[in-house]
Every structure is written in C-alpha cells, then in structure tokens.
N, C-alpha and C. Protein backbone atom coordinates (compact mmCIF):
# COMPACT_ATOMS: atom_id res chain seq x y z
N MET A 1 -16.33 13.88 40.63
CA MET A 1 -16.21 15.24 40.22
C MET A 1 -17.23 15.56 39.13
N ILE A 2 -17.46 14.63 38.25
CA ILE A 2 -18.44 14.84 37.18
C ILE A 2 -19.83 15.01 37.77
N TRP A 3 -20.12 14.29 38.83
CA TRP A 3 -21.44 14.38 39.45
C TRP A 3 -21.71 15.77 40.00
N THR A 4 -20.70 16.45 40.49
CA THR A 4 -20.91 17.80 41.01
C THR A 4 -21.25 18.78 39.89
N TRP A 5 -20.78 18.52 38.67
CA TRP A 5 -21.12 19.40 37.56
C TRP A 5 -22.57 19.22 37.15
N LEU A 6 -23.13 18.05 37.42
CA LEU A 6 -24.51 17.79 37.03
C LEU A 6 -25.53 18.38 37.99
N LEU A 7 -25.08 18.80 39.16
CA LEU A 7 -26.00 19.38 40.13
C LEU A 7 -26.49 20.74 39.64
N PRO A 8 -27.77 21.04 39.88
CA PRO A 8 -28.27 22.36 39.45
C PRO A 8 -27.60 23.47 40.25
N GLY A 9 -27.39 24.61 39.62
CA GLY A 9 -26.71 25.73 40.26
C GLY A 9 -27.50 26.34 41.39
N ALA A 10 -28.83 26.22 41.34
CA ALA A 10 -29.67 26.83 42.36
C ALA A 10 -29.88 25.91 43.56
N LEU A 11 -29.18 24.79 43.62
CA LEU A 11 -29.35 23.86 44.72
C LEU A 11 -28.67 24.42 45.96
N LYS A 12 -29.46 24.87 46.90
CA LYS A 12 -28.91 25.45 48.12
C LYS A 12 -29.64 24.86 49.32
N ARG A 13 -28.93 24.83 50.42
CA ARG A 13 -29.53 24.38 51.66
C ARG A 13 -30.42 25.50 52.19
N PRO A 14 -31.63 25.17 52.64
CA PRO A 14 -32.50 26.24 53.15
C PRO A 14 -31.87 26.89 54.37
N GLU A 15 -31.91 28.21 54.37
CA GLU A 15 -31.29 28.97 55.44
C GLU A 15 -32.32 29.23 56.53
N ILE A 16 -32.06 28.72 57.70
CA ILE A 16 -32.94 28.93 58.84
C ILE A 16 -32.29 29.98 59.72
N LYS A 17 -33.00 31.09 59.90
CA LYS A 17 -32.43 32.18 60.68
C LYS A 17 -32.71 31.97 62.16
N THR A 18 -31.71 32.31 62.95
CA THR A 18 -31.88 32.26 64.40
C THR A 18 -32.60 33.53 64.84
N GLU A 19 -32.97 33.56 66.09
CA GLU A 19 -33.68 34.72 66.63
C GLU A 19 -32.82 35.97 66.57
N ILE A 20 -31.55 35.83 66.84
CA ILE A 20 -30.66 36.99 66.83
C ILE A 20 -30.49 37.52 65.40
N GLU A 21 -30.47 36.63 64.40
CA GLU A 21 -30.37 37.08 63.01
C GLU A 21 -31.64 37.78 62.56
N ARG A 22 -32.79 37.29 63.01
CA ARG A 22 -34.05 37.97 62.69
C ARG A 22 -34.09 39.35 63.34
N LYS A 23 -33.59 39.43 64.58
CA LYS A 23 -33.53 40.72 65.26
C LYS A 23 -32.59 41.67 64.53
N MET A 24 -31.48 41.15 64.03
CA MET A 24 -30.52 41.97 63.30
C MET A 24 -31.13 42.49 62.00
N ASP A 25 -31.86 41.64 61.28
CA ASP A 25 -32.53 42.09 60.06
C ASP A 25 -33.54 43.19 60.35
N PHE A 26 -34.28 43.02 61.44
CA PHE A 26 -35.26 44.03 61.85
C PHE A 26 -34.57 45.35 62.15
N LEU A 27 -33.51 45.30 62.94
CA LEU A 27 -32.81 46.53 63.32
C LEU A 27 -32.19 47.22 62.09
N GLU A 28 -31.60 46.44 61.20
CA GLU A 28 -31.02 47.04 60.00
C GLU A 28 -32.09 47.69 59.13
N SER A 29 -33.26 47.06 59.03
CA SER A 29 -34.34 47.64 58.24
C SER A 29 -34.82 48.95 58.84
N VAL A 30 -35.00 48.97 60.16
CA VAL A 30 -35.46 50.19 60.82
C VAL A 30 -34.41 51.29 60.71
N ILE A 31 -33.13 50.95 60.88
CA ILE A 31 -32.06 51.94 60.78
C ILE A 31 -31.98 52.50 59.36
N ASP A 32 -32.08 51.62 58.36
CA ASP A 32 -32.03 52.09 56.97
C ASP A 32 -33.19 53.03 56.67
N ASP A 33 -34.39 52.67 57.14
CA ASP A 33 -35.55 53.54 56.93
C ASP A 33 -35.37 54.88 57.63
N ALA A 34 -34.84 54.86 58.85
CA ALA A 34 -34.66 56.10 59.60
C ALA A 34 -33.61 56.99 58.93
N GLU A 35 -32.56 56.39 58.40
CA GLU A 35 -31.53 57.18 57.73
C GLU A 35 -32.02 57.74 56.40
N SER A 36 -33.00 57.08 55.79
CA SER A 36 -33.53 57.58 54.52
C SER A 36 -34.65 58.60 54.73
N GLY A 37 -34.99 58.89 55.99
CA GLY A 37 -35.95 59.94 56.28
C GLY A 37 -37.33 59.47 56.73
N GLU A 38 -37.55 58.18 56.76
CA GLU A 38 -38.85 57.67 57.20
C GLU A 38 -38.95 57.76 58.72
N HIS A 39 -40.15 57.99 59.21
CA HIS A 39 -40.35 58.07 60.66
C HIS A 39 -40.12 56.69 61.28
N ILE A 40 -39.45 56.65 62.41
CA ILE A 40 -39.08 55.37 63.04
C ILE A 40 -40.31 54.59 63.48
N HIS A 41 -41.34 55.28 63.93
CA HIS A 41 -42.55 54.58 64.39
C HIS A 41 -43.21 53.81 63.24
N SER A 42 -43.32 54.43 62.08
CA SER A 42 -43.93 53.73 60.94
C SER A 42 -43.03 52.60 60.45
N SER A 43 -41.72 52.81 60.50
CA SER A 43 -40.79 51.76 60.11
C SER A 43 -40.85 50.59 61.10
N PHE A 44 -40.99 50.90 62.38
CA PHE A 44 -41.12 49.85 63.39
C PHE A 44 -42.36 49.01 63.13
N LEU A 45 -43.48 49.66 62.85
CA LEU A 45 -44.72 48.93 62.59
C LEU A 45 -44.65 48.12 61.29
N LYS A 46 -43.92 48.64 60.30
CA LYS A 46 -43.83 47.96 59.01
C LYS A 46 -42.96 46.71 59.10
N HIS A 47 -41.88 46.75 59.86
CA HIS A 47 -40.92 45.64 59.90
C HIS A 47 -41.08 44.72 61.10
N ARG A 48 -42.03 45.01 61.95
CA ARG A 48 -42.22 44.19 63.15
C ARG A 48 -42.60 42.76 62.78
N TYR A 49 -42.07 41.79 63.49
CA TYR A 49 -42.37 40.38 63.25
C TYR A 49 -42.92 39.74 64.52
N GLN A 50 -43.44 38.54 64.37
CA GLN A 50 -44.16 37.86 65.46
C GLN A 50 -43.29 37.63 66.69
N GLY A 51 -42.04 37.24 66.51
CA GLY A 51 -41.16 36.93 67.64
C GLY A 51 -40.71 38.15 68.43
N LEU A 52 -41.07 39.33 67.96
CA LEU A 52 -40.64 40.56 68.62
C LEU A 52 -41.57 40.99 69.75
N SER A 53 -42.76 40.43 69.80
CA SER A 53 -43.73 40.89 70.80
C SER A 53 -43.29 40.52 72.22
N ASN A 54 -43.48 41.48 73.13
CA ASN A 54 -43.14 41.35 74.55
C ASN A 54 -41.65 41.10 74.79
N THR A 55 -40.80 41.65 73.95
CA THR A 55 -39.36 41.56 74.14
C THR A 55 -38.85 42.91 74.63
N PRO A 56 -37.64 42.95 75.18
CA PRO A 56 -37.09 44.26 75.60
C PRO A 56 -36.97 45.27 74.46
N ILE A 57 -36.74 44.79 73.25
CA ILE A 57 -36.62 45.73 72.12
C ILE A 57 -37.97 46.41 71.87
N GLU A 58 -39.02 45.64 71.87
CA GLU A 58 -40.34 46.23 71.65
C GLU A 58 -40.69 47.21 72.77
N LYS A 59 -40.41 46.83 73.99
CA LYS A 59 -40.68 47.73 75.11
C LYS A 59 -39.84 49.00 75.01
N PHE A 60 -38.60 48.86 74.57
CA PHE A 60 -37.73 50.02 74.38
C PHE A 60 -38.30 50.96 73.32
N PHE A 61 -38.79 50.39 72.22
CA PHE A 61 -39.39 51.22 71.18
C PHE A 61 -40.60 51.98 71.71
N TYR A 62 -41.49 51.29 72.39
CA TYR A 62 -42.70 51.95 72.89
C TYR A 62 -42.36 53.02 73.94
N LEU A 63 -41.38 52.75 74.78
CA LEU A 63 -40.98 53.72 75.78
C LEU A 63 -40.39 54.97 75.12
N SER A 64 -39.55 54.76 74.12
CA SER A 64 -38.95 55.91 73.44
C SER A 64 -39.99 56.67 72.62
N PHE A 65 -40.99 55.97 72.08
CA PHE A 65 -42.06 56.68 71.37
C PHE A 65 -42.86 57.54 72.34
N ALA A 66 -43.13 57.01 73.53
CA ALA A 66 -43.91 57.75 74.52
C ALA A 66 -43.12 58.93 75.08
N GLN A 67 -41.80 58.76 75.26
CA GLN A 67 -40.98 59.82 75.82
C GLN A 67 -40.44 60.79 74.78
N GLY A 68 -40.51 60.42 73.51
CA GLY A 68 -39.99 61.27 72.44
C GLY A 68 -38.48 61.27 72.36
N LEU A 69 -37.86 60.15 72.70
CA LEU A 69 -36.40 60.05 72.68
C LEU A 69 -35.88 59.74 71.28
N SER A 70 -34.65 60.09 71.02
CA SER A 70 -34.00 59.77 69.76
C SER A 70 -33.54 58.31 69.79
N LEU A 71 -33.96 57.56 68.82
CA LEU A 71 -33.67 56.12 68.82
C LEU A 71 -32.47 55.71 67.98
N LEU A 72 -32.13 56.48 67.00
CA LEU A 72 -31.13 56.04 66.03
C LEU A 72 -29.78 55.68 66.64
N PRO A 73 -29.19 56.48 67.53
CA PRO A 73 -27.90 56.06 68.12
C PRO A 73 -28.01 54.76 68.94
N ALA A 74 -29.09 54.63 69.67
CA ALA A 74 -29.27 53.40 70.46
C ALA A 74 -29.49 52.20 69.56
N LEU A 75 -30.20 52.39 68.46
CA LEU A 75 -30.41 51.27 67.53
C LEU A 75 -29.10 50.85 66.86
N ARG A 76 -28.25 51.81 66.55
CA ARG A 76 -26.95 51.47 65.97
C ARG A 76 -26.10 50.66 66.96
N ASP A 77 -26.13 51.07 68.23
CA ASP A 77 -25.39 50.31 69.25
C ASP A 77 -25.94 48.90 69.40
N LEU A 78 -27.26 48.78 69.40
CA LEU A 78 -27.89 47.46 69.53
C LEU A 78 -27.58 46.59 68.32
N ALA A 79 -27.58 47.18 67.14
CA ALA A 79 -27.23 46.43 65.93
C ALA A 79 -25.78 45.97 65.98
N ARG A 80 -24.90 46.81 66.51
CA ARG A 80 -23.49 46.43 66.66
C ARG A 80 -23.36 45.24 67.60
N GLU A 81 -24.11 45.26 68.70
CA GLU A 81 -24.08 44.13 69.64
C GLU A 81 -24.61 42.86 69.00
N CYS A 82 -25.70 42.97 68.25
CA CYS A 82 -26.26 41.80 67.57
C CYS A 82 -25.27 41.24 66.55
N ARG A 83 -24.61 42.12 65.80
CA ARG A 83 -23.62 41.69 64.82
C ARG A 83 -22.47 40.95 65.52
N PHE A 84 -22.05 41.46 66.68
CA PHE A 84 -20.99 40.80 67.44
C PHE A 84 -21.43 39.41 67.89
N GLU A 85 -22.66 39.29 68.38
CA GLU A 85 -23.16 37.98 68.82
C GLU A 85 -23.26 37.00 67.66
N ILE A 86 -23.70 37.47 66.51
CA ILE A 86 -23.79 36.59 65.34
C ILE A 86 -22.41 36.10 64.93
N GLU A 87 -21.45 37.00 64.88
CA GLU A 87 -20.08 36.62 64.51
C GLU A 87 -19.47 35.67 65.54
N ARG A 88 -19.76 35.90 66.83
CA ARG A 88 -19.25 35.01 67.87
C ARG A 88 -19.85 33.62 67.73
N ASP A 89 -21.17 33.54 67.46
CA ASP A 89 -21.81 32.24 67.28
C ASP A 89 -21.25 31.50 66.07
N ARG A 90 -20.98 32.23 65.00
CA ARG A 90 -20.39 31.61 63.80
C ARG A 90 -18.99 31.10 64.09
N ALA A 91 -18.21 31.86 64.83
CA ALA A 91 -16.85 31.43 65.16
C ALA A 91 -16.88 30.18 66.04
N ILE A 92 -17.81 30.13 66.98
CA ILE A 92 -17.95 28.95 67.83
C ILE A 92 -18.36 27.74 66.99
N ALA A 93 -19.30 27.94 66.06
CA ALA A 93 -19.74 26.83 65.20
C ALA A 93 -18.58 26.31 64.35
N ILE A 94 -17.72 27.21 63.89
CA ILE A 94 -16.56 26.78 63.10
C ILE A 94 -15.58 26.00 63.96
N GLU A 95 -15.40 26.44 65.20
CA GLU A 95 -14.48 25.73 66.10
C GLU A 95 -15.02 24.37 66.52
N ILE A 96 -16.33 24.24 66.62
CA ILE A 96 -16.94 22.99 67.07
C ILE A 96 -17.08 21.98 65.92
N ALA A 97 -17.08 22.44 64.69
CA ALA A 97 -17.33 21.56 63.54
C ALA A 97 -16.40 20.34 63.48
N PRO A 98 -15.09 20.48 63.67
CA PRO A 98 -14.25 19.26 63.63
C PRO A 98 -14.59 18.27 64.74
N ALA A 99 -14.92 18.77 65.92
CA ALA A 99 -15.27 17.87 67.02
C ALA A 99 -16.56 17.11 66.70
N ARG A 100 -17.52 17.81 66.10
CA ARG A 100 -18.78 17.15 65.74
C ARG A 100 -18.55 16.11 64.65
N ALA A 101 -17.72 16.42 63.67
CA ALA A 101 -17.43 15.47 62.60
C ALA A 101 -16.71 14.24 63.14
N THR A 102 -15.76 14.46 64.03
CA THR A 102 -15.06 13.33 64.65
C THR A 102 -16.01 12.48 65.47
N LEU A 103 -16.91 13.12 66.17
CA LEU A 103 -17.90 12.39 66.97
C LEU A 103 -18.77 11.51 66.09
N LYS A 104 -19.22 12.04 64.95
CA LYS A 104 -20.04 11.23 64.04
C LYS A 104 -19.23 10.08 63.46
N LEU A 105 -18.00 10.37 63.10
CA LEU A 105 -17.16 9.32 62.53
C LEU A 105 -16.93 8.20 63.54
N LEU A 106 -16.59 8.56 64.76
CA LEU A 106 -16.33 7.55 65.79
C LEU A 106 -17.60 6.81 66.20
N THR A 107 -18.75 7.40 65.96
CA THR A 107 -20.00 6.72 66.30
C THR A 107 -20.38 5.70 65.25
N TYR A 108 -20.27 6.07 63.97
CA TYR A 108 -20.78 5.20 62.91
C TYR A 108 -19.72 4.28 62.31
N PHE A 109 -18.46 4.59 62.45
CA PHE A 109 -17.42 3.79 61.82
C PHE A 109 -17.37 2.34 62.33
N PRO A 110 -17.41 2.08 63.64
CA PRO A 110 -17.39 0.68 64.08
C PRO A 110 -18.59 -0.13 63.57
N ALA A 111 -19.75 0.51 63.51
CA ALA A 111 -20.93 -0.21 63.00
C ALA A 111 -20.78 -0.51 61.52
N LEU A 112 -20.22 0.42 60.75
CA LEU A 112 -20.00 0.18 59.33
C LEU A 112 -18.98 -0.93 59.10
N ILE A 113 -17.95 -0.98 59.92
CA ILE A 113 -16.95 -2.06 59.81
C ILE A 113 -17.61 -3.41 60.10
N LEU A 114 -18.42 -3.46 61.15
CA LEU A 114 -19.09 -4.72 61.50
C LEU A 114 -20.05 -5.17 60.40
N VAL A 115 -20.85 -4.24 59.87
CA VAL A 115 -21.78 -4.59 58.79
C VAL A 115 -21.01 -5.02 57.54
N GLY A 116 -19.92 -4.32 57.24
CA GLY A 116 -19.11 -4.71 56.08
C GLY A 116 -18.48 -6.08 56.25
N ALA A 117 -18.03 -6.39 57.46
CA ALA A 117 -17.42 -7.70 57.71
C ALA A 117 -18.47 -8.81 57.61
N ILE A 118 -19.66 -8.53 58.06
CA ILE A 118 -20.73 -9.53 57.96
C ILE A 118 -21.16 -9.70 56.50
N ALA A 119 -21.29 -8.57 55.77
CA ALA A 119 -21.72 -8.64 54.38
C ALA A 119 -20.67 -9.31 53.50
N GLY A 120 -19.40 -9.11 53.79
CA GLY A 120 -18.33 -9.73 53.02
C GLY A 120 -18.01 -11.14 53.46
N ASN A 121 -18.75 -11.63 54.42
CA ASN A 121 -18.59 -12.98 54.97
C ASN A 121 -17.19 -13.17 55.56
N VAL A 122 -16.56 -12.07 55.98
CA VAL A 122 -15.29 -12.17 56.69
C VAL A 122 -15.54 -12.67 58.10
N MET A 123 -16.67 -12.26 58.65
CA MET A 123 -17.05 -12.66 59.98
C MET A 123 -18.45 -13.29 59.89
N PRO A 124 -18.53 -14.60 59.78
CA PRO A 124 -19.86 -15.22 59.67
C PRO A 124 -20.71 -14.94 60.91
N LEU A 125 -21.92 -14.51 60.66
CA LEU A 125 -22.81 -14.11 61.73
C LEU A 125 -23.19 -15.28 62.63
N ASN A 126 -23.48 -16.41 62.07
CA ASN A 126 -23.96 -17.54 62.87
C ASN A 126 -22.88 -18.16 63.74
N ARG A 127 -21.61 -18.05 63.37
CA ARG A 127 -20.56 -18.73 64.11
C ARG A 127 -19.83 -17.81 65.09
N ASN A 128 -19.50 -16.60 64.69
CA ASN A 128 -18.66 -15.75 65.54
C ASN A 128 -19.45 -14.86 66.49
N LEU A 129 -20.54 -14.28 66.03
CA LEU A 129 -21.21 -13.27 66.82
C LEU A 129 -22.21 -13.82 67.83
N MET A 130 -22.57 -15.08 67.73
CA MET A 130 -23.57 -15.61 68.64
C MET A 130 -22.96 -16.27 69.88
N ASN A 131 -21.68 -16.19 70.04
CA ASN A 131 -21.04 -16.69 71.25
C ASN A 131 -21.14 -15.62 72.33
N PRO A 132 -21.07 -16.02 73.62
CA PRO A 132 -21.25 -15.04 74.69
C PRO A 132 -20.17 -13.95 74.74
N ILE A 133 -18.94 -14.26 74.44
CA ILE A 133 -17.88 -13.25 74.53
C ILE A 133 -18.06 -12.16 73.47
N PRO A 134 -18.27 -12.50 72.19
CA PRO A 134 -18.49 -11.43 71.20
C PRO A 134 -19.76 -10.61 71.49
N LEU A 135 -20.81 -11.25 71.96
CA LEU A 135 -22.03 -10.49 72.30
C LEU A 135 -21.77 -9.52 73.45
N THR A 136 -21.02 -9.97 74.46
CA THR A 136 -20.67 -9.09 75.57
C THR A 136 -19.81 -7.93 75.09
N MET A 137 -18.86 -8.19 74.21
CA MET A 137 -18.00 -7.14 73.66
C MET A 137 -18.83 -6.13 72.86
N ILE A 138 -19.81 -6.60 72.09
CA ILE A 138 -20.66 -5.69 71.31
C ILE A 138 -21.50 -4.83 72.22
N VAL A 139 -22.07 -5.41 73.26
CA VAL A 139 -22.89 -4.64 74.20
C VAL A 139 -22.03 -3.60 74.92
N ILE A 140 -20.84 -3.98 75.35
CA ILE A 140 -19.94 -3.03 76.02
C ILE A 140 -19.53 -1.92 75.05
N SER A 141 -19.25 -2.27 73.80
CA SER A 141 -18.86 -1.28 72.80
C SER A 141 -19.99 -0.28 72.54
N ILE A 142 -21.20 -0.78 72.43
CA ILE A 142 -22.35 0.11 72.21
C ILE A 142 -22.56 1.02 73.41
N SER A 143 -22.45 0.47 74.61
CA SER A 143 -22.65 1.31 75.80
C SER A 143 -21.54 2.36 75.92
N LEU A 144 -20.30 2.00 75.59
CA LEU A 144 -19.22 2.99 75.61
C LEU A 144 -19.42 4.07 74.54
N GLN A 145 -19.97 3.67 73.41
CA GLN A 145 -20.28 4.65 72.36
C GLN A 145 -21.33 5.64 72.84
N VAL A 146 -22.37 5.15 73.50
CA VAL A 146 -23.43 6.03 74.01
C VAL A 146 -22.87 6.97 75.07
N ILE A 147 -22.09 6.43 75.99
CA ILE A 147 -21.50 7.27 77.05
C ILE A 147 -20.56 8.31 76.44
N GLY A 148 -19.71 7.90 75.49
CA GLY A 148 -18.80 8.83 74.86
C GLY A 148 -19.52 9.91 74.06
N ARG A 149 -20.61 9.54 73.42
CA ARG A 149 -21.38 10.53 72.64
C ARG A 149 -22.02 11.56 73.56
N ARG A 150 -22.59 11.11 74.66
CA ARG A 150 -23.19 12.05 75.61
C ARG A 150 -22.13 12.96 76.23
N TRP A 151 -20.99 12.41 76.55
CA TRP A 151 -19.90 13.19 77.12
C TRP A 151 -19.43 14.25 76.13
N SER A 152 -19.25 13.86 74.87
CA SER A 152 -18.82 14.81 73.85
C SER A 152 -19.86 15.88 73.62
N GLU A 153 -21.13 15.52 73.61
CA GLU A 153 -22.19 16.53 73.44
C GLU A 153 -22.19 17.51 74.59
N ARG A 154 -21.93 17.05 75.81
CA ARG A 154 -21.84 17.97 76.95
C ARG A 154 -20.68 18.94 76.79
N ILE A 155 -19.55 18.44 76.31
CA ILE A 155 -18.40 19.31 76.09
C ILE A 155 -18.73 20.34 75.03
N ILE A 156 -19.34 19.92 73.93
CA ILE A 156 -19.69 20.84 72.85
C ILE A 156 -20.71 21.87 73.33
N SER A 157 -21.69 21.45 74.11
CA SER A 157 -22.69 22.42 74.60
C SER A 157 -22.08 23.37 75.61
N SER A 158 -21.09 22.92 76.39
CA SER A 158 -20.44 23.85 77.34
C SER A 158 -19.60 24.88 76.59
N VAL A 159 -19.05 24.53 75.44
CA VAL A 159 -18.29 25.49 74.65
C VAL A 159 -19.25 26.55 74.08
N ARG A 160 -20.45 26.13 73.69
CA ARG A 160 -21.43 27.08 73.13
C ARG A 160 -21.92 28.07 74.16
N SER A 161 -22.03 27.66 75.41
CA SER A 161 -22.57 28.58 76.43
C SER A 161 -21.51 29.41 77.09
C-alpha cells in the first residue's frame, strides 16, 4: 500500500483510440462547430483526419455539400450510433475481462508452480523430471494448455463479434 503512494499522480496508461472513437471525436467536433455557427464545410476540413479518407462518412459529406443538404440532424444520428457502438464495445470488454484473467492465470500458474518447486528443491530436476513418465506428462500438459488457450480465445473472439 505504501508503494502506491509513492507512484507519481500523472502516471497513466497511454490511451489508444479505436477507429470508432476517432470517428466519434470528429463528429462531435463538427457538430459543436455547426451549433456554434461555423460552416460545416470549413469545420469538416479543419477536423478531418487521415483515417477518414475514402470512407462512407467522407463520401456522405461531399455528397451533401454538392447537393446542399442539411447535415446537422444526420450527424447527430450518426454520433448517437457511434456512441452506442462505443458503449457496447466497452460493455463487452467488461464482460470478457474475467475470462481473460482466468485464462492468463490458468496458463501461467502451472509453470510458476513447477519453477517454484524446482527452485525450492522440492522436486529435484535431475531425478524426477528426466524420467520418461514426467516428461510425457509435461508435454501433454503443455499441449493441453495450448489447445485450451486457443479454444478460449475463439470463444472470446466469438463474443466480440
């Protein structure tokens, strides 16, 4: 507990934004500018980012600029959809977190027990582990760990999609 007090207050994990979050920031910026009276075309050009090129949003903007359509209601609807997707992704990540933690624990715990037993000389390496039966058991255990990890990752990825 004392160690946590010694950590600097500004120590934060770098935040990496997903594409949908970048799109949401763009839409919010354009909507805010439009509501404050700035022309949408100039706001679009000011806030445009590299990942936006050749996307349906960019094509929608150019089409509405050419046709002279009102963009603000459509942008609000699109921002609402993006917000829903972000919240859904966060909820899925929260639901998957215990499964991922359990997967990591079940992957590394047997190896830590084995290393601890060898380091504590509870299980001498030269006498117990070099026999054919323990070696076969270790190989089977490692292969089951790999199969179980792949299976769990497939389950987690199917929940995300």
